[in-house]
């Protein structure tokens, strides 16, 4: 399994929406696909280049995908593990958003931001958030300084009730699926919590009151 390559950049190419390069390592040329973001910051031809590599093996051939940083490759692997997300869509996500922006959008269920990437619709964005948000927050949260906007409020003990973390995640996903932005959602949860909602574990009550608050602010 090829995981890393270092060599001379012999050429780079673009075919439709695919970008790639030829990396010569000890007399062997490896064709590697990269995201447009990576492609646009390639050095001049004949320059030395190193890439972290994901090797995809299929019946009709082997394909190499290259990344400038290890965490980009790791995130790519997480993305393609989601049903309906292929390598080109994953590269499109990495080209449209920085690693930090992409992880934050998934963790915070920012479906509109995710849907900016080519080929990513609302359902795919929802699936990415549902399947990856916990793993990505655990894996990348510390290194990318991802913080739950309500975590400090919960820890402060200042009297505002908040739903349990699992209930809160479900509420955020549900409200995001209804078209609300992360900032709106977190404001609604803060507002409802400040009203001293009885039964802080009752997800249905939180959803009902959050929707009522969001409707009132939109009026």
N, C-alpha and C. Protein backbone atom coordinates (compact mmCIF):
# COMPACT_ATOMS: atom_id res chain seq x y z
N UNK A 1 0.85 -1.20 0.00
CA UNK A 1 0.00 0.00 0.00
C UNK A 1 0.88 1.24 0.00
N UNK A 2 0.65 2.13 -0.94
CA UNK A 2 1.42 3.37 -1.03
C UNK A 2 0.78 4.42 -0.12
N UNK A 3 1.56 4.96 0.81
CA UNK A 3 1.04 5.95 1.74
C UNK A 3 1.69 7.30 1.64
N UNK A 4 2.86 7.37 0.96
CA UNK A 4 3.59 8.64 0.87
C UNK A 4 4.55 8.56 -0.30
N UNK A 5 4.69 9.64 -1.03
CA UNK A 5 5.61 9.69 -2.16
C UNK A 5 6.40 10.99 -2.12
N UNK A 6 7.66 10.88 -2.51
CA UNK A 6 8.50 12.06 -2.64
C UNK A 6 9.27 11.96 -3.96
N UNK A 7 9.23 13.01 -4.74
CA UNK A 7 9.92 12.95 -6.01
C UNK A 7 9.92 14.27 -6.73
N UNK A 8 10.09 14.20 -8.05
CA UNK A 8 10.17 15.39 -8.90
C UNK A 8 8.86 15.57 -9.65
N UNK A 9 8.33 16.78 -9.60
CA UNK A 9 7.09 17.08 -10.30
C UNK A 9 7.38 17.20 -11.81
N UNK A 10 7.03 16.18 -12.56
CA UNK A 10 7.33 16.17 -14.00
C UNK A 10 6.29 16.96 -14.79
N UNK A 11 5.03 16.86 -14.41
CA UNK A 11 3.98 17.61 -15.10
C UNK A 11 2.73 17.61 -14.25
N UNK A 12 1.83 18.52 -14.58
CA UNK A 12 0.52 18.52 -13.93
C UNK A 12 -0.52 18.75 -15.01
N UNK A 13 -1.72 18.25 -14.79
CA UNK A 13 -2.74 18.27 -15.82
C UNK A 13 -4.12 18.49 -15.22
N UNK A 14 -5.04 18.86 -16.09
CA UNK A 14 -6.44 19.02 -15.71
C UNK A 14 -7.31 18.49 -16.84
N UNK A 15 -8.23 17.60 -16.50
CA UNK A 15 -9.16 17.01 -17.46
C UNK A 15 -10.57 17.17 -16.91
N UNK A 16 -11.36 18.06 -17.54
CA UNK A 16 -12.70 18.39 -17.04
C UNK A 16 -12.55 18.88 -15.59
N UNK A 17 -13.21 18.20 -14.64
CA UNK A 17 -13.13 18.65 -13.26
C UNK A 17 -12.07 17.89 -12.45
N UNK A 18 -11.22 17.14 -13.12
CA UNK A 18 -10.19 16.36 -12.43
C UNK A 18 -8.82 17.00 -12.61
N UNK A 19 -8.07 17.03 -11.52
CA UNK A 19 -6.73 17.61 -11.53
C UNK A 19 -5.74 16.55 -11.08
N UNK A 20 -4.57 16.57 -11.65
CA UNK A 20 -3.59 15.58 -11.27
C UNK A 20 -2.18 15.99 -11.65
N UNK A 21 -1.24 15.09 -11.37
CA UNK A 21 0.16 15.36 -11.63
C UNK A 21 0.89 14.05 -11.86
N UNK A 22 2.09 14.18 -12.42
CA UNK A 22 2.99 13.05 -12.59
C UNK A 22 4.20 13.30 -11.71
N UNK A 23 4.39 12.41 -10.74
CA UNK A 23 5.48 12.54 -9.78
C UNK A 23 6.50 11.44 -10.06
N UNK A 24 7.72 11.82 -10.39
CA UNK A 24 8.77 10.86 -10.72
C UNK A 24 9.59 10.56 -9.47
N UNK A 25 9.55 9.29 -9.06
CA UNK A 25 10.27 8.85 -7.86
C UNK A 25 11.23 7.73 -8.25
N UNK A 26 12.52 8.01 -8.20
CA UNK A 26 13.54 7.01 -8.52
C UNK A 26 13.29 6.34 -9.87
N UNK A 27 12.99 7.16 -10.87
CA UNK A 27 12.83 6.66 -12.21
C UNK A 27 11.46 6.11 -12.54
N UNK A 28 10.54 6.12 -11.59
CA UNK A 28 9.17 5.64 -11.82
C UNK A 28 8.21 6.82 -11.71
N UNK A 29 7.33 7.00 -12.70
CA UNK A 29 6.37 8.08 -12.69
C UNK A 29 5.02 7.64 -12.16
N UNK A 30 4.55 8.30 -11.13
CA UNK A 30 3.27 7.98 -10.51
C UNK A 30 2.25 9.06 -10.87
N UNK A 31 1.12 8.65 -11.46
CA UNK A 31 0.03 9.58 -11.70
C UNK A 31 -0.81 9.69 -10.42
N UNK A 32 -1.00 10.92 -9.98
CA UNK A 32 -1.69 11.16 -8.71
C UNK A 32 -2.77 12.21 -8.92
N UNK A 33 -3.98 11.91 -8.50
CA UNK A 33 -5.05 12.91 -8.54
C UNK A 33 -5.01 13.75 -7.27
N UNK A 34 -5.29 15.03 -7.42
CA UNK A 34 -5.31 15.94 -6.28
C UNK A 34 -6.53 16.84 -6.38
N UNK A 35 -6.87 17.50 -5.29
CA UNK A 35 -7.97 18.47 -5.32
C UNK A 35 -7.52 19.72 -6.08
N UNK A 36 -8.49 20.49 -6.54
CA UNK A 36 -8.15 21.74 -7.24
C UNK A 36 -7.36 22.66 -6.32
N UNK A 37 -7.70 22.71 -5.06
CA UNK A 37 -6.97 23.56 -4.11
C UNK A 37 -5.50 23.16 -4.07
N UNK A 38 -5.24 21.83 -4.00
CA UNK A 38 -3.87 21.34 -3.98
C UNK A 38 -3.18 21.63 -5.32
N UNK A 39 -3.90 21.43 -6.41
CA UNK A 39 -3.36 21.63 -7.75
C UNK A 39 -2.92 23.07 -7.97
N UNK A 40 -3.71 24.02 -7.46
CA UNK A 40 -3.42 25.43 -7.66
C UNK A 40 -2.19 25.90 -6.89
N UNK A 41 -1.78 25.16 -5.87
CA UNK A 41 -0.61 25.57 -5.11
C UNK A 41 0.60 24.67 -5.35
N UNK A 42 0.57 23.94 -6.46
CA UNK A 42 1.72 23.11 -6.82
C UNK A 42 2.92 23.98 -7.14
N UNK A 43 4.13 23.50 -6.86
CA UNK A 43 5.34 24.25 -7.23
C UNK A 43 5.58 24.16 -8.74
N UNK A 44 6.61 24.81 -9.21
CA UNK A 44 6.97 24.77 -10.62
C UNK A 44 7.40 23.36 -11.01
N UNK A 45 7.29 23.05 -12.29
CA UNK A 45 7.76 21.76 -12.80
C UNK A 45 9.23 21.56 -12.47
N UNK A 46 9.59 20.30 -12.26
CA UNK A 46 10.94 19.87 -11.90
C UNK A 46 11.25 20.11 -10.42
N UNK A 47 10.33 20.73 -9.69
CA UNK A 47 10.56 20.95 -8.26
C UNK A 47 10.33 19.66 -7.48
N UNK A 48 10.98 19.56 -6.32
CA UNK A 48 10.76 18.42 -5.44
C UNK A 48 9.41 18.56 -4.74
N UNK A 49 8.72 17.46 -4.60
CA UNK A 49 7.38 17.48 -4.01
C UNK A 49 7.15 16.19 -3.24
N UNK A 50 6.52 16.31 -2.09
CA UNK A 50 6.12 15.13 -1.33
C UNK A 50 4.63 15.19 -1.05
N UNK A 51 3.98 14.04 -1.09
CA UNK A 51 2.54 13.95 -0.90
C UNK A 51 2.19 12.77 -0.03
N UNK A 52 1.22 12.96 0.85
CA UNK A 52 0.59 11.83 1.52
C UNK A 52 -0.42 11.25 0.53
N UNK A 53 -0.49 9.93 0.48
CA UNK A 53 -1.24 9.28 -0.61
C UNK A 53 -2.28 8.32 -0.05
N UNK A 54 -3.44 8.35 -0.70
CA UNK A 54 -4.46 7.31 -0.49
C UNK A 54 -4.51 6.48 -1.76
N UNK A 55 -4.36 5.19 -1.63
CA UNK A 55 -4.37 4.29 -2.78
C UNK A 55 -5.70 3.55 -2.83
N UNK A 56 -6.44 3.77 -3.91
CA UNK A 56 -7.73 3.09 -4.11
C UNK A 56 -7.54 1.97 -5.12
N UNK A 57 -7.94 0.76 -4.73
CA UNK A 57 -7.77 -0.41 -5.59
C UNK A 57 -9.14 -0.91 -6.02
N UNK A 58 -9.35 -0.94 -7.32
CA UNK A 58 -10.61 -1.45 -7.89
C UNK A 58 -10.29 -2.47 -8.97
N UNK A 59 -11.32 -3.17 -9.41
CA UNK A 59 -11.11 -4.19 -10.43
C UNK A 59 -10.56 -3.61 -11.72
N UNK A 60 -10.94 -2.38 -12.05
CA UNK A 60 -10.51 -1.79 -13.32
C UNK A 60 -9.24 -0.97 -13.21
N UNK A 61 -8.60 -0.98 -12.04
CA UNK A 61 -7.32 -0.29 -11.91
C UNK A 61 -7.08 0.28 -10.53
N UNK A 62 -5.88 0.82 -10.35
CA UNK A 62 -5.49 1.47 -9.11
C UNK A 62 -5.42 2.98 -9.33
N UNK A 63 -5.85 3.74 -8.34
CA UNK A 63 -5.80 5.20 -8.43
C UNK A 63 -5.15 5.74 -7.17
N UNK A 64 -4.27 6.73 -7.36
CA UNK A 64 -3.61 7.39 -6.24
C UNK A 64 -4.17 8.79 -6.08
N UNK A 65 -4.46 9.17 -4.84
CA UNK A 65 -4.94 10.52 -4.51
C UNK A 65 -3.92 11.14 -3.56
N UNK A 66 -3.47 12.35 -3.88
CA UNK A 66 -2.41 12.97 -3.11
C UNK A 66 -2.86 14.19 -2.32
N UNK A 67 -2.19 14.38 -1.17
CA UNK A 67 -2.55 15.46 -0.25
C UNK A 67 -1.28 16.03 0.38
N UNK A 68 -1.27 17.35 0.54
CA UNK A 68 -0.10 18.00 1.09
C UNK A 68 0.11 17.73 2.56
N UNK A 69 -0.98 17.45 3.30
CA UNK A 69 -0.90 17.22 4.74
C UNK A 69 -1.57 15.89 5.09
N UNK A 70 -1.05 15.27 6.14
CA UNK A 70 -1.61 13.98 6.57
C UNK A 70 -3.08 14.10 6.96
N UNK A 71 -3.45 15.19 7.66
CA UNK A 71 -4.83 15.30 8.13
C UNK A 71 -5.81 15.47 6.96
N UNK A 72 -5.33 16.04 5.82
CA UNK A 72 -6.19 16.12 4.65
C UNK A 72 -6.48 14.73 4.09
N UNK A 73 -5.44 13.90 4.04
CA UNK A 73 -5.65 12.53 3.57
C UNK A 73 -6.57 11.77 4.52
N UNK A 74 -6.37 11.94 5.82
CA UNK A 74 -7.21 11.24 6.80
C UNK A 74 -8.67 11.67 6.67
N UNK A 75 -8.89 12.97 6.44
CA UNK A 75 -10.25 13.45 6.27
C UNK A 75 -10.86 12.91 4.98
N UNK A 76 -10.08 12.85 3.92
CA UNK A 76 -10.53 12.26 2.65
C UNK A 76 -11.00 10.83 2.88
N UNK A 77 -10.25 10.06 3.65
CA UNK A 77 -10.62 8.67 3.92
C UNK A 77 -11.93 8.58 4.71
N UNK A 78 -12.13 9.51 5.62
CA UNK A 78 -13.40 9.53 6.36
C UNK A 78 -14.55 9.85 5.41
N UNK A 79 -14.35 10.78 4.51
CA UNK A 79 -15.41 11.20 3.59
C UNK A 79 -15.83 10.06 2.66
N UNK A 80 -14.87 9.37 2.06
CA UNK A 80 -15.21 8.33 1.08
C UNK A 80 -15.80 7.09 1.76
N UNK A 81 -15.69 7.01 3.07
CA UNK A 81 -16.29 5.89 3.80
C UNK A 81 -17.80 6.07 3.96
N UNK A 82 -18.30 7.28 3.69
CA UNK A 82 -19.74 7.56 3.81
C UNK A 82 -20.44 7.10 2.53
N UNK A 83 -21.54 6.41 2.69
CA UNK A 83 -22.30 5.91 1.54
C UNK A 83 -22.70 7.05 0.62
N UNK A 84 -22.43 6.88 -0.67
CA UNK A 84 -22.81 7.89 -1.64
C UNK A 84 -21.77 8.96 -1.89
N UNK A 85 -20.67 8.91 -1.14
CA UNK A 85 -19.60 9.90 -1.32
C UNK A 85 -18.40 9.21 -1.96
N UNK A 86 -18.14 9.52 -3.22
CA UNK A 86 -17.02 8.94 -3.92
C UNK A 86 -15.79 9.84 -3.87
N UNK A 87 -14.69 9.39 -4.43
CA UNK A 87 -13.45 10.17 -4.39
C UNK A 87 -13.58 11.56 -5.01
N UNK A 88 -14.30 11.69 -6.13
CA UNK A 88 -14.41 13.00 -6.77
C UNK A 88 -15.22 13.98 -5.93
N UNK A 89 -16.27 13.49 -5.29
CA UNK A 89 -17.04 14.36 -4.41
C UNK A 89 -16.20 14.77 -3.20
N UNK A 90 -15.44 13.82 -2.66
CA UNK A 90 -14.58 14.12 -1.52
C UNK A 90 -13.53 15.16 -1.90
N UNK A 91 -12.93 15.02 -3.08
CA UNK A 91 -11.96 16.03 -3.54
C UNK A 91 -12.64 17.37 -3.75
N UNK A 92 -13.90 17.34 -4.23
CA UNK A 92 -14.65 18.58 -4.41
C UNK A 92 -14.89 19.30 -3.09
N UNK A 93 -15.19 18.54 -2.05
CA UNK A 93 -15.39 19.12 -0.73
C UNK A 93 -14.09 19.75 -0.22
N UNK A 94 -12.98 19.04 -0.42
CA UNK A 94 -11.68 19.54 0.05
C UNK A 94 -11.20 20.73 -0.78
N UNK A 95 -11.68 20.83 -2.02
CA UNK A 95 -11.33 21.97 -2.86
C UNK A 95 -12.17 23.20 -2.53
N UNK A 96 -13.42 22.97 -2.14
CA UNK A 96 -14.34 24.08 -1.86
C UNK A 96 -14.10 24.69 -0.49
N UNK A 97 -13.78 23.84 0.50
CA UNK A 97 -13.60 24.29 1.88
C UNK A 97 -12.23 23.88 2.39
N UNK A 98 -11.66 24.69 3.27
CA UNK A 98 -10.43 24.28 3.93
C UNK A 98 -10.76 23.11 4.87
N UNK A 99 -9.73 22.43 5.32
CA UNK A 99 -9.95 21.30 6.23
C UNK A 99 -10.73 21.74 7.46
N UNK A 100 -10.33 22.85 8.05
CA UNK A 100 -11.02 23.34 9.25
C UNK A 100 -12.47 23.69 8.95
N UNK A 101 -12.70 24.38 7.84
CA UNK A 101 -14.07 24.75 7.47
C UNK A 101 -14.93 23.52 7.24
N UNK A 102 -14.36 22.51 6.59
CA UNK A 102 -15.12 21.30 6.28
C UNK A 102 -15.47 20.53 7.53
N UNK A 103 -14.50 20.33 8.41
CA UNK A 103 -14.77 19.61 9.66
C UNK A 103 -15.78 20.38 10.50
N UNK A 104 -15.62 21.68 10.57
CA UNK A 104 -16.55 22.49 11.37
C UNK A 104 -17.97 22.41 10.79
N UNK A 105 -18.08 22.44 9.47
CA UNK A 105 -19.40 22.38 8.83
C UNK A 105 -20.07 21.04 9.11
N UNK A 106 -19.31 19.97 9.10
CA UNK A 106 -19.87 18.63 9.39
C UNK A 106 -20.27 18.53 10.85
N UNK A 107 -19.39 18.97 11.75
CA UNK A 107 -19.66 18.86 13.18
C UNK A 107 -20.87 19.71 13.57
N UNK A 108 -20.99 20.89 12.98
CA UNK A 108 -22.07 21.81 13.34
C UNK A 108 -23.28 21.68 12.42
N UNK A 109 -23.26 20.66 11.54
CA UNK A 109 -24.38 20.40 10.63
C UNK A 109 -24.74 21.62 9.80
N UNK A 110 -23.72 22.29 9.28
CA UNK A 110 -23.94 23.45 8.42
C UNK A 110 -24.18 22.93 7.00
N UNK A 111 -25.41 22.53 6.72
CA UNK A 111 -25.74 21.86 5.47
C UNK A 111 -25.58 22.79 4.27
N UNK A 112 -25.88 24.04 4.44
CA UNK A 112 -25.76 24.98 3.32
C UNK A 112 -24.31 25.15 2.90
N UNK A 113 -23.42 25.18 3.85
CA UNK A 113 -22.00 25.32 3.52
C UNK A 113 -21.50 24.05 2.83
N UNK A 114 -21.89 22.89 3.32
CA UNK A 114 -21.48 21.63 2.71
C UNK A 114 -22.00 21.53 1.27
N UNK A 115 -23.20 22.03 1.05
CA UNK A 115 -23.82 21.92 -0.27
C UNK A 115 -23.19 22.85 -1.31
N UNK A 116 -22.23 23.67 -0.91
CA UNK A 116 -21.51 24.50 -1.88
C UNK A 116 -20.59 23.65 -2.76
N UNK A 117 -20.19 22.49 -2.26
CA UNK A 117 -19.29 21.63 -3.03
C UNK A 117 -20.04 20.99 -4.19
N UNK A 118 -19.40 20.81 -5.33
CA UNK A 118 -20.07 20.22 -6.50
C UNK A 118 -20.59 18.82 -6.22
N UNK A 119 -21.86 18.60 -6.58
CA UNK A 119 -22.45 17.28 -6.43
C UNK A 119 -23.02 16.97 -5.06
N UNK A 120 -22.84 17.87 -4.10
CA UNK A 120 -23.31 17.63 -2.74
C UNK A 120 -24.68 18.28 -2.56
N UNK A 121 -25.72 17.46 -2.42
CA UNK A 121 -27.06 17.95 -2.16
C UNK A 121 -27.39 17.92 -0.69
N UNK A 122 -28.60 18.31 -0.37
CA UNK A 122 -29.02 18.38 1.02
C UNK A 122 -28.95 17.03 1.72
N UNK A 123 -29.40 15.97 1.04
CA UNK A 123 -29.40 14.66 1.68
C UNK A 123 -27.99 14.16 1.93
N UNK A 124 -27.10 14.39 0.98
CA UNK A 124 -25.71 13.98 1.18
C UNK A 124 -25.09 14.77 2.32
N UNK A 125 -25.37 16.05 2.39
CA UNK A 125 -24.85 16.87 3.48
C UNK A 125 -25.35 16.38 4.83
N UNK A 126 -26.63 16.02 4.89
CA UNK A 126 -27.18 15.47 6.13
C UNK A 126 -26.48 14.18 6.51
N UNK A 127 -26.27 13.30 5.51
CA UNK A 127 -25.62 12.01 5.78
C UNK A 127 -24.19 12.20 6.27
N UNK A 128 -23.48 13.15 5.69
CA UNK A 128 -22.12 13.44 6.14
C UNK A 128 -22.12 13.85 7.61
N UNK A 129 -23.03 14.73 7.96
CA UNK A 129 -23.07 15.22 9.33
C UNK A 129 -23.50 14.12 10.31
N UNK A 130 -24.50 13.35 9.94
CA UNK A 130 -25.00 12.29 10.83
C UNK A 130 -23.93 11.23 11.07
N UNK A 131 -23.24 10.82 10.00
CA UNK A 131 -22.30 9.71 10.11
C UNK A 131 -20.93 10.12 10.63
N UNK A 132 -20.54 11.38 10.43
CA UNK A 132 -19.16 11.74 10.73
C UNK A 132 -18.98 12.71 11.89
N UNK A 133 -20.01 13.40 12.30
CA UNK A 133 -19.79 14.51 13.24
C UNK A 133 -19.11 14.06 14.52
N UNK A 134 -19.53 12.94 15.11
CA UNK A 134 -18.91 12.50 16.37
C UNK A 134 -17.47 12.08 16.16
N UNK A 135 -17.21 11.32 15.08
CA UNK A 135 -15.85 10.85 14.82
C UNK A 135 -14.91 12.00 14.52
N UNK A 136 -15.38 12.97 13.73
CA UNK A 136 -14.52 14.08 13.37
C UNK A 136 -14.25 15.00 14.56
N UNK A 137 -15.25 15.20 15.39
CA UNK A 137 -15.02 16.04 16.57
C UNK A 137 -14.01 15.38 17.49
N UNK A 138 -14.10 14.06 17.63
CA UNK A 138 -13.16 13.34 18.48
C UNK A 138 -11.75 13.32 17.86
N UNK A 139 -11.69 13.16 16.54
CA UNK A 139 -10.40 13.00 15.87
C UNK A 139 -9.69 14.31 15.59
N UNK A 140 -10.45 15.33 15.18
CA UNK A 140 -9.85 16.58 14.76
C UNK A 140 -10.13 17.75 15.69
N UNK A 141 -11.03 17.55 16.65
CA UNK A 141 -11.47 18.67 17.48
C UNK A 141 -10.34 19.41 18.18
N UNK A 142 -9.43 18.66 18.80
CA UNK A 142 -8.36 19.31 19.56
C UNK A 142 -7.39 20.04 18.63
N UNK A 143 -7.00 19.39 17.53
CA UNK A 143 -6.01 19.98 16.64
C UNK A 143 -6.56 21.18 15.88
N UNK A 144 -7.85 21.18 15.58
CA UNK A 144 -8.45 22.29 14.84
C UNK A 144 -9.22 23.24 15.73
N UNK A 145 -9.14 23.02 17.06
CA UNK A 145 -9.79 23.90 18.03
C UNK A 145 -11.27 24.03 17.75
N UNK A 146 -11.90 22.89 17.46
CA UNK A 146 -13.35 22.90 17.25
C UNK A 146 -14.04 22.88 18.60
N UNK A 147 -14.94 23.81 18.80
CA UNK A 147 -15.61 23.92 20.08
C UNK A 147 -17.11 23.96 19.86
N UNK A 148 -17.83 23.18 20.65
CA UNK A 148 -19.29 23.28 20.64
C UNK A 148 -19.65 24.66 21.16
N UNK A 149 -20.35 25.48 20.39
CA UNK A 149 -20.67 26.84 20.83
C UNK A 149 -21.44 26.88 22.14
N UNK A 150 -22.05 25.79 22.53
CA UNK A 150 -22.82 25.77 23.77
C UNK A 150 -22.07 25.12 24.92
N UNK A 151 -20.85 24.62 24.65
CA UNK A 151 -20.13 23.88 25.67
C UNK A 151 -19.78 24.77 26.86
N UNK A 152 -19.30 26.00 26.59
CA UNK A 152 -18.93 26.89 27.67
C UNK A 152 -20.14 27.26 28.52
N UNK A 153 -21.25 27.46 27.86
CA UNK A 153 -22.48 27.80 28.58
C UNK A 153 -22.88 26.65 29.49
N UNK A 154 -22.77 25.43 28.99
CA UNK A 154 -23.14 24.25 29.77
C UNK A 154 -22.23 24.10 30.97
N UNK A 155 -20.93 24.38 30.78
CA UNK A 155 -19.97 24.18 31.85
C UNK A 155 -20.00 25.31 32.88
N UNK A 156 -20.52 26.47 32.51
CA UNK A 156 -20.48 27.61 33.40
C UNK A 156 -21.43 27.49 34.58
N UNK A 157 -22.50 26.68 34.40
CA UNK A 157 -23.45 26.51 35.47
C UNK A 157 -24.13 27.80 35.86
N UNK A 158 -24.44 28.65 34.88
CA UNK A 158 -25.00 29.97 35.20
C UNK A 158 -26.52 29.97 35.24
N UNK A 159 -27.12 28.79 35.31
CA UNK A 159 -28.56 28.73 35.50
C UNK A 159 -29.35 28.45 34.25
N UNK A 160 -28.73 28.53 33.07
CA UNK A 160 -29.45 28.27 31.84
C UNK A 160 -29.46 26.77 31.57
N UNK A 161 -30.65 26.21 31.49
CA UNK A 161 -30.77 24.77 31.25
C UNK A 161 -30.45 24.47 29.80
N UNK A 162 -29.77 23.35 29.58
CA UNK A 162 -29.47 22.90 28.23
C UNK A 162 -29.79 21.41 28.14
N UNK A 163 -30.18 20.95 26.95
CA UNK A 163 -30.42 19.52 26.81
C UNK A 163 -29.11 18.75 26.89
N UNK A 164 -29.20 17.46 27.16
CA UNK A 164 -28.01 16.62 27.18
C UNK A 164 -27.34 16.66 25.81
N UNK A 165 -26.03 16.35 25.78
CA UNK A 165 -25.26 16.47 24.54
C UNK A 165 -25.90 15.70 23.39
N UNK A 166 -26.33 14.47 23.65
CA UNK A 166 -26.91 13.65 22.57
C UNK A 166 -28.20 14.28 22.06
N UNK A 167 -29.03 14.78 22.98
CA UNK A 167 -30.27 15.44 22.58
C UNK A 167 -29.97 16.72 21.82
N UNK A 168 -28.95 17.44 22.27
CA UNK A 168 -28.58 18.68 21.60
C UNK A 168 -28.12 18.42 20.16
N UNK A 169 -27.33 17.37 19.97
CA UNK A 169 -26.87 17.03 18.62
C UNK A 169 -28.04 16.70 17.71
N UNK A 170 -29.01 15.96 18.24
CA UNK A 170 -30.19 15.60 17.45
C UNK A 170 -31.00 16.85 17.09
N UNK A 171 -31.12 17.76 18.05
CA UNK A 171 -31.84 19.00 17.79
C UNK A 171 -31.14 19.83 16.72
N UNK A 172 -29.82 19.93 16.81
CA UNK A 172 -29.06 20.71 15.84
C UNK A 172 -29.21 20.14 14.43
N UNK A 173 -29.17 18.82 14.33
CA UNK A 173 -29.33 18.18 13.02
C UNK A 173 -30.73 18.39 12.47
N UNK A 174 -31.74 18.24 13.33
CA UNK A 174 -33.12 18.39 12.89
C UNK A 174 -33.39 19.82 12.42
N UNK A 175 -32.94 20.78 13.19
CA UNK A 175 -33.16 22.18 12.82
C UNK A 175 -32.35 22.56 11.57
N UNK A 176 -31.16 22.00 11.44
CA UNK A 176 -30.37 22.25 10.23
C UNK A 176 -31.07 21.69 9.00
N UNK A 177 -31.67 20.51 9.15
CA UNK A 177 -32.39 19.89 8.05
C UNK A 177 -33.60 20.72 7.64
N UNK A 178 -34.11 21.52 8.57
CA UNK A 178 -35.24 22.40 8.28
C UNK A 178 -34.80 23.73 7.66
N UNK A 179 -33.48 23.88 7.49
CA UNK A 179 -32.97 25.06 6.80
C UNK A 179 -32.39 26.15 7.68
N UNK A 180 -32.31 25.92 8.98
CA UNK A 180 -31.77 26.95 9.86
C UNK A 180 -30.25 26.87 9.91
N UNK A 181 -29.62 28.03 10.05
CA UNK A 181 -28.17 28.12 10.12
C UNK A 181 -27.70 27.76 11.53
N UNK A 182 -26.44 27.29 11.67
CA UNK A 182 -25.91 26.95 12.99
C UNK A 182 -26.02 28.08 14.00
N UNK A 183 -25.74 29.32 13.57
CA UNK A 183 -25.83 30.44 14.50
C UNK A 183 -27.26 30.62 15.00
N UNK A 184 -28.25 30.50 14.12
CA UNK A 184 -29.65 30.62 14.51
C UNK A 184 -30.02 29.52 15.50
N UNK A 185 -29.55 28.31 15.22
CA UNK A 185 -29.88 27.16 16.06
C UNK A 185 -29.33 27.34 17.47
N UNK A 186 -28.08 27.75 17.57
CA UNK A 186 -27.46 27.90 18.88
C UNK A 186 -28.10 29.05 19.66
N UNK A 187 -28.49 30.10 18.96
CA UNK A 187 -29.20 31.20 19.64
C UNK A 187 -30.54 30.73 20.17
N UNK A 188 -31.22 29.90 19.38
CA UNK A 188 -32.52 29.39 19.81
C UNK A 188 -32.38 28.52 21.06
N UNK A 189 -31.38 27.64 21.07
CA UNK A 189 -31.19 26.77 22.22
C UNK A 189 -30.81 27.56 23.47
N UNK A 190 -30.00 28.60 23.28
CA UNK A 190 -29.68 29.45 24.42
C UNK A 190 -30.93 30.16 24.95
N UNK A 191 -31.73 30.66 24.01
CA UNK A 191 -32.93 31.39 24.41
C UNK A 191 -33.91 30.49 25.14
N UNK A 192 -34.12 29.30 24.59
CA UNK A 192 -35.06 28.36 25.22
C UNK A 192 -34.53 27.92 26.58
N UNK A 193 -33.21 27.69 26.65
CA UNK A 193 -32.62 27.32 27.93
C UNK A 193 -32.77 28.42 28.97
N UNK A 194 -32.66 29.67 28.52
CA UNK A 194 -32.81 30.79 29.44
C UNK A 194 -34.22 30.96 29.97
N UNK A 195 -35.18 30.34 29.29
CA UNK A 195 -36.57 30.42 29.73
C UNK A 195 -36.88 29.39 30.81
N UNK A 196 -35.85 28.57 31.15
CA UNK A 196 -36.05 27.57 32.20
C UNK A 196 -36.99 26.47 31.76
N UNK A 197 -36.77 25.96 30.55
CA UNK A 197 -37.63 24.90 30.02
C UNK A 197 -37.66 23.71 30.97
N UNK A 198 -38.84 23.30 31.34
CA UNK A 198 -38.99 22.14 32.22
C UNK A 198 -38.69 20.88 31.44
N UNK A 199 -38.08 19.93 32.10
CA UNK A 199 -37.76 18.66 31.45
C UNK A 199 -36.69 18.84 30.40
N UNK A 200 -35.46 19.22 30.86
CA UNK A 200 -34.38 19.55 29.93
C UNK A 200 -33.98 18.39 29.04
N UNK A 201 -34.39 17.15 29.38
CA UNK A 201 -34.04 15.99 28.57
C UNK A 201 -35.08 15.72 27.49
N UNK A 202 -36.18 16.45 27.50
CA UNK A 202 -37.29 16.21 26.57
C UNK A 202 -36.98 16.86 25.23
N UNK A 203 -36.51 16.04 24.28
CA UNK A 203 -36.12 16.56 22.99
C UNK A 203 -37.27 17.18 22.23
N UNK A 204 -38.46 16.59 22.31
CA UNK A 204 -39.62 17.12 21.59
C UNK A 204 -40.00 18.50 22.10
N UNK A 205 -39.93 18.68 23.42
CA UNK A 205 -40.26 19.98 24.00
C UNK A 205 -39.23 21.03 23.57
N UNK A 206 -37.96 20.64 23.54
CA UNK A 206 -36.92 21.57 23.10
C UNK A 206 -37.13 21.94 21.63
N UNK A 207 -37.46 20.97 20.82
CA UNK A 207 -37.67 21.24 19.40
C UNK A 207 -38.86 22.17 19.21
N UNK A 208 -39.96 21.89 19.90
CA UNK A 208 -41.16 22.71 19.78
C UNK A 208 -40.88 24.16 20.20
N UNK A 209 -40.20 24.33 21.34
CA UNK A 209 -39.95 25.69 21.83
C UNK A 209 -38.90 26.40 20.98
N UNK A 210 -37.94 25.65 20.45
CA UNK A 210 -36.93 26.26 19.59
C UNK A 210 -37.56 26.76 18.30
N UNK A 211 -38.46 25.95 17.72
CA UNK A 211 -39.15 26.36 16.52
C UNK A 211 -40.04 27.58 16.77
N UNK A 212 -40.65 27.60 17.93
CA UNK A 212 -41.49 28.76 18.29
C UNK A 212 -40.64 30.02 18.40
N UNK A 213 -39.47 29.90 19.02
CA UNK A 213 -38.57 31.06 19.17
C UNK A 213 -38.06 31.51 17.81
N UNK A 214 -37.67 30.57 16.96
CA UNK A 214 -37.15 30.92 15.64
C UNK A 214 -38.24 31.59 14.80
N UNK A 215 -39.46 31.11 14.93
CA UNK A 215 -40.57 31.71 14.18
C UNK A 215 -40.84 33.14 14.64
N UNK A 216 -40.74 33.35 15.95
CA UNK A 216 -41.01 34.68 16.50
C UNK A 216 -39.96 35.69 16.09
N UNK A 217 -38.69 35.24 15.98
CA UNK A 217 -37.62 36.17 15.59
C UNK A 217 -37.65 36.48 14.10
N UNK A 218 -38.26 35.55 13.34
CA UNK A 218 -38.33 35.75 11.88
C UNK A 218 -39.51 36.62 11.49
N UNK A 219 -40.45 36.77 12.41
CA UNK A 219 -41.66 37.53 12.11
C UNK A 219 -41.37 39.02 11.96
